[in-house]
């Protein structure tokens, strides 16, 4: 019911953002949706989602991964779990992986893919005693990118911040 109530509460402002000149929001939604339906190439999905993050947190005038990471940390919080309570199936134990835990790897993997480098085996290996609690890092970072987009958009809408996303400034 919480999701339905949130949809009802935010739908009017979401539709306003999608119909008017809130391009950073519109592009983030579009790139997230395109990535969601990109089933043939997980790297393409990842790049679409990273482009959505860049659109929300940087601009042509102010760019760079350091700036984006600082803004994400400030806006969402370093200790925010990328797997919020109740988002995974009840039979799965919820791993406590936070935004702060993944940001450096999120951008490192983006750089590897964007610049045509081979992804190191660490992105696909399953370990039991590392940050990802046994989940492959590639999947965790992909889910983390999706989380950052979705929760950033929800926070922007919920907190009435869309006016800050009219232009690059």
Protein backbone atom coordinates (compact mmCIF):
# COMPACT_ATOMS: atom_id res chain seq x y z
CA UNK A 1 0.00 0.00 0.00
CA UNK A 2 2.90 2.38 0.67
CA UNK A 3 3.91 2.32 -3.00
CA UNK A 4 0.35 3.06 -4.13
CA UNK A 5 0.03 5.92 -1.65
CA UNK A 6 3.35 7.38 -2.82
CA UNK A 7 2.25 7.08 -6.45
CA UNK A 8 -0.97 8.94 -5.70
CA UNK A 9 0.85 11.62 -3.72
CA UNK A 10 3.61 12.20 -6.28
CA UNK A 11 1.85 11.57 -9.60
CA UNK A 12 0.76 15.18 -10.17
CA UNK A 13 4.24 16.63 -9.66
CA UNK A 14 5.84 13.76 -11.61
CA UNK A 15 3.58 14.43 -14.61
CA UNK A 16 4.39 18.15 -14.38
CA UNK A 17 8.12 17.35 -14.44
CA UNK A 18 7.68 15.03 -17.42
CA UNK A 19 5.60 17.53 -19.44
CA UNK A 20 7.53 20.72 -18.80
CA UNK A 21 11.17 21.89 -19.05
CA UNK A 22 12.63 19.75 -16.27
CA UNK A 23 15.07 18.09 -18.66
CA UNK A 24 17.40 16.63 -16.04
CA UNK A 25 14.45 14.77 -14.51
CA UNK A 26 12.97 13.80 -17.87
CA UNK A 27 16.28 12.44 -19.17
CA UNK A 28 16.96 10.53 -15.96
CA UNK A 29 13.55 8.88 -16.20
CA UNK A 30 14.02 8.14 -19.90
CA UNK A 31 17.52 6.67 -19.46
CA UNK A 32 16.40 4.59 -16.49
CA UNK A 33 13.48 3.22 -18.48
CA UNK A 34 15.68 2.49 -21.53
CA UNK A 35 18.19 0.72 -19.29
CA UNK A 36 15.47 -1.30 -17.61
CA UNK A 37 14.39 -2.69 -20.97
CA UNK A 38 17.96 -3.22 -22.21
CA UNK A 39 18.01 -6.98 -21.72
CA UNK A 40 20.62 -7.90 -24.33
CA UNK A 41 23.61 -5.96 -23.06
CA UNK A 42 24.11 -5.33 -19.34
CA UNK A 43 26.95 -2.90 -20.07
CA UNK A 44 24.62 -0.75 -22.19
CA UNK A 45 22.09 -0.81 -19.34
CA UNK A 46 24.79 0.28 -16.93
CA UNK A 47 25.95 3.15 -19.15
CA UNK A 48 22.37 4.38 -19.61
CA UNK A 49 21.87 4.36 -15.85
CA UNK A 50 25.17 6.14 -15.23
CA UNK A 51 24.13 8.78 -17.80
CA UNK A 52 20.92 9.26 -15.82
CA UNK A 53 22.93 9.76 -12.63
CA UNK A 54 25.25 12.22 -14.36
CA UNK A 55 22.24 14.16 -15.62
CA UNK A 56 20.83 14.50 -12.12
CA UNK A 57 24.05 15.33 -10.30
CA UNK A 58 26.26 17.20 -12.77
CA UNK A 59 25.95 19.60 -15.69
CA UNK A 60 27.96 20.74 -18.69
CA UNK A 61 29.38 23.54 -16.53
CA UNK A 62 29.96 21.41 -13.43
CA UNK A 63 31.05 17.86 -14.13
CA UNK A 64 33.30 15.08 -12.94
CA UNK A 65 32.95 11.95 -10.90
CA UNK A 66 34.30 13.62 -7.74
CA UNK A 67 31.58 16.25 -7.87
CA UNK A 68 28.87 13.70 -8.67
CA UNK A 69 29.94 11.42 -5.80
CA UNK A 70 30.01 14.32 -3.33
CA UNK A 71 26.54 15.43 -4.38
CA UNK A 72 25.14 11.89 -4.20
CA UNK A 73 26.62 11.44 -0.72
CA UNK A 74 25.12 14.75 0.41
CA UNK A 75 21.69 14.16 -1.14
CA UNK A 76 21.08 10.48 -0.38
CA UNK A 77 23.49 9.96 2.51
CA UNK A 78 26.55 7.72 2.70
CA UNK A 79 24.84 5.20 4.97
CA UNK A 80 21.67 4.76 2.89
CA UNK A 81 21.22 1.10 1.97
CA UNK A 82 20.90 0.36 -1.75
CA UNK A 83 18.56 -2.47 -0.74
CA UNK A 84 15.90 -0.75 1.38
CA UNK A 85 13.93 -2.87 3.81
CA UNK A 86 11.17 -4.74 2.02
CA UNK A 87 12.57 -4.25 -1.48
CA UNK A 88 13.94 -7.78 -1.78
CA UNK A 89 11.94 -10.98 -1.51
CA UNK A 90 11.13 -12.05 2.04
CA UNK A 91 13.22 -15.20 1.62
CA UNK A 92 16.37 -13.21 0.81
CA UNK A 93 18.46 -11.81 3.59
CA UNK A 94 18.85 -8.09 3.00
CA UNK A 95 22.51 -7.23 2.47
CA UNK A 96 23.61 -4.00 4.10
CA UNK A 97 25.41 -2.33 1.20
CA UNK A 98 25.31 1.44 1.34
CA UNK A 99 25.58 4.26 -1.18
CA UNK A 100 28.95 5.17 0.33
CA UNK A 101 30.18 1.59 -0.05
CA UNK A 102 29.67 1.51 -3.81
CA UNK A 103 30.28 5.02 -5.18
CA UNK A 104 33.98 4.62 -6.01
CA UNK A 105 33.43 1.24 -7.69
CA UNK A 106 30.32 2.59 -9.45
CA UNK A 107 32.41 5.21 -11.24
CA UNK A 108 35.44 2.97 -11.74
CA UNK A 109 33.29 0.40 -13.56
CA UNK A 110 31.65 3.19 -15.58
CA UNK A 111 35.09 4.42 -16.64
CA UNK A 112 36.24 0.92 -17.62
CA UNK A 113 33.18 0.36 -19.81
CA UNK A 114 33.14 3.89 -21.27
CA UNK A 115 36.81 3.80 -22.19
CA UNK A 116 36.72 0.32 -23.71
CA UNK A 117 38.72 -1.47 -21.03
CA UNK A 118 38.15 -5.11 -20.19
CA UNK A 119 36.32 -5.48 -16.90
CA UNK A 120 38.45 -7.15 -14.28
CA UNK A 121 37.31 -10.57 -13.02
CA UNK A 122 36.49 -8.99 -9.63
CA UNK A 123 33.26 -7.66 -11.15
CA UNK A 124 31.95 -11.16 -11.84
CA UNK A 125 33.48 -13.28 -9.06
CA UNK A 126 31.34 -14.40 -6.15
CA UNK A 127 33.10 -14.03 -2.81
CA UNK A 128 31.67 -14.69 0.61
CA UNK A 129 33.60 -12.23 2.78
CA UNK A 130 33.64 -9.02 0.81
CA UNK A 131 31.55 -5.88 0.60
CA UNK A 132 28.92 -7.48 -1.60
CA UNK A 133 28.21 -10.30 0.84
CA UNK A 134 28.64 -12.92 -1.87
CA UNK A 135 26.83 -11.15 -4.70
CA UNK A 136 28.73 -10.44 -7.95
CA UNK A 137 30.00 -6.85 -7.91
CA UNK A 138 28.73 -6.14 -11.44
CA UNK A 139 25.16 -6.89 -10.36
CA UNK A 140 25.45 -4.95 -7.11
CA UNK A 141 26.79 -1.88 -8.93
CA UNK A 142 24.07 -2.12 -11.56
CA UNK A 143 21.39 -2.36 -8.87
CA UNK A 144 23.11 0.46 -6.99
CA UNK A 145 22.94 2.71 -10.05
CA UNK A 146 19.23 1.98 -10.43
CA UNK A 147 18.67 2.67 -6.73
CA UNK A 148 20.47 6.03 -6.93
CA UNK A 149 18.31 7.12 -9.86
CA UNK A 150 15.01 5.93 -8.41
CA UNK A 151 15.53 7.24 -4.90
CA UNK A 152 16.99 10.53 -6.10
CA UNK A 153 13.93 11.09 -8.27
CA UNK A 154 11.57 10.12 -5.45
CA UNK A 155 13.34 12.47 -3.05
CA UNK A 156 13.28 15.32 -5.58
CA UNK A 157 9.55 14.83 -6.12
CA UNK A 158 8.68 14.21 -2.48
CA UNK A 159 10.67 17.20 -1.20
CA UNK A 160 9.31 19.53 -3.90
CA UNK A 161 12.73 20.18 -5.44
CA UNK A 162 11.85 20.01 -9.13
CA UNK A 163 12.39 23.75 -9.60
CA UNK A 164 16.12 23.11 -9.02
CA UNK A 165 16.10 20.92 -12.15
CA UNK A 166 14.86 23.43 -14.71
CA UNK A 167 18.31 24.13 -16.14
CA UNK A 168 21.98 23.44 -15.71
CA UNK A 169 22.36 25.83 -12.77
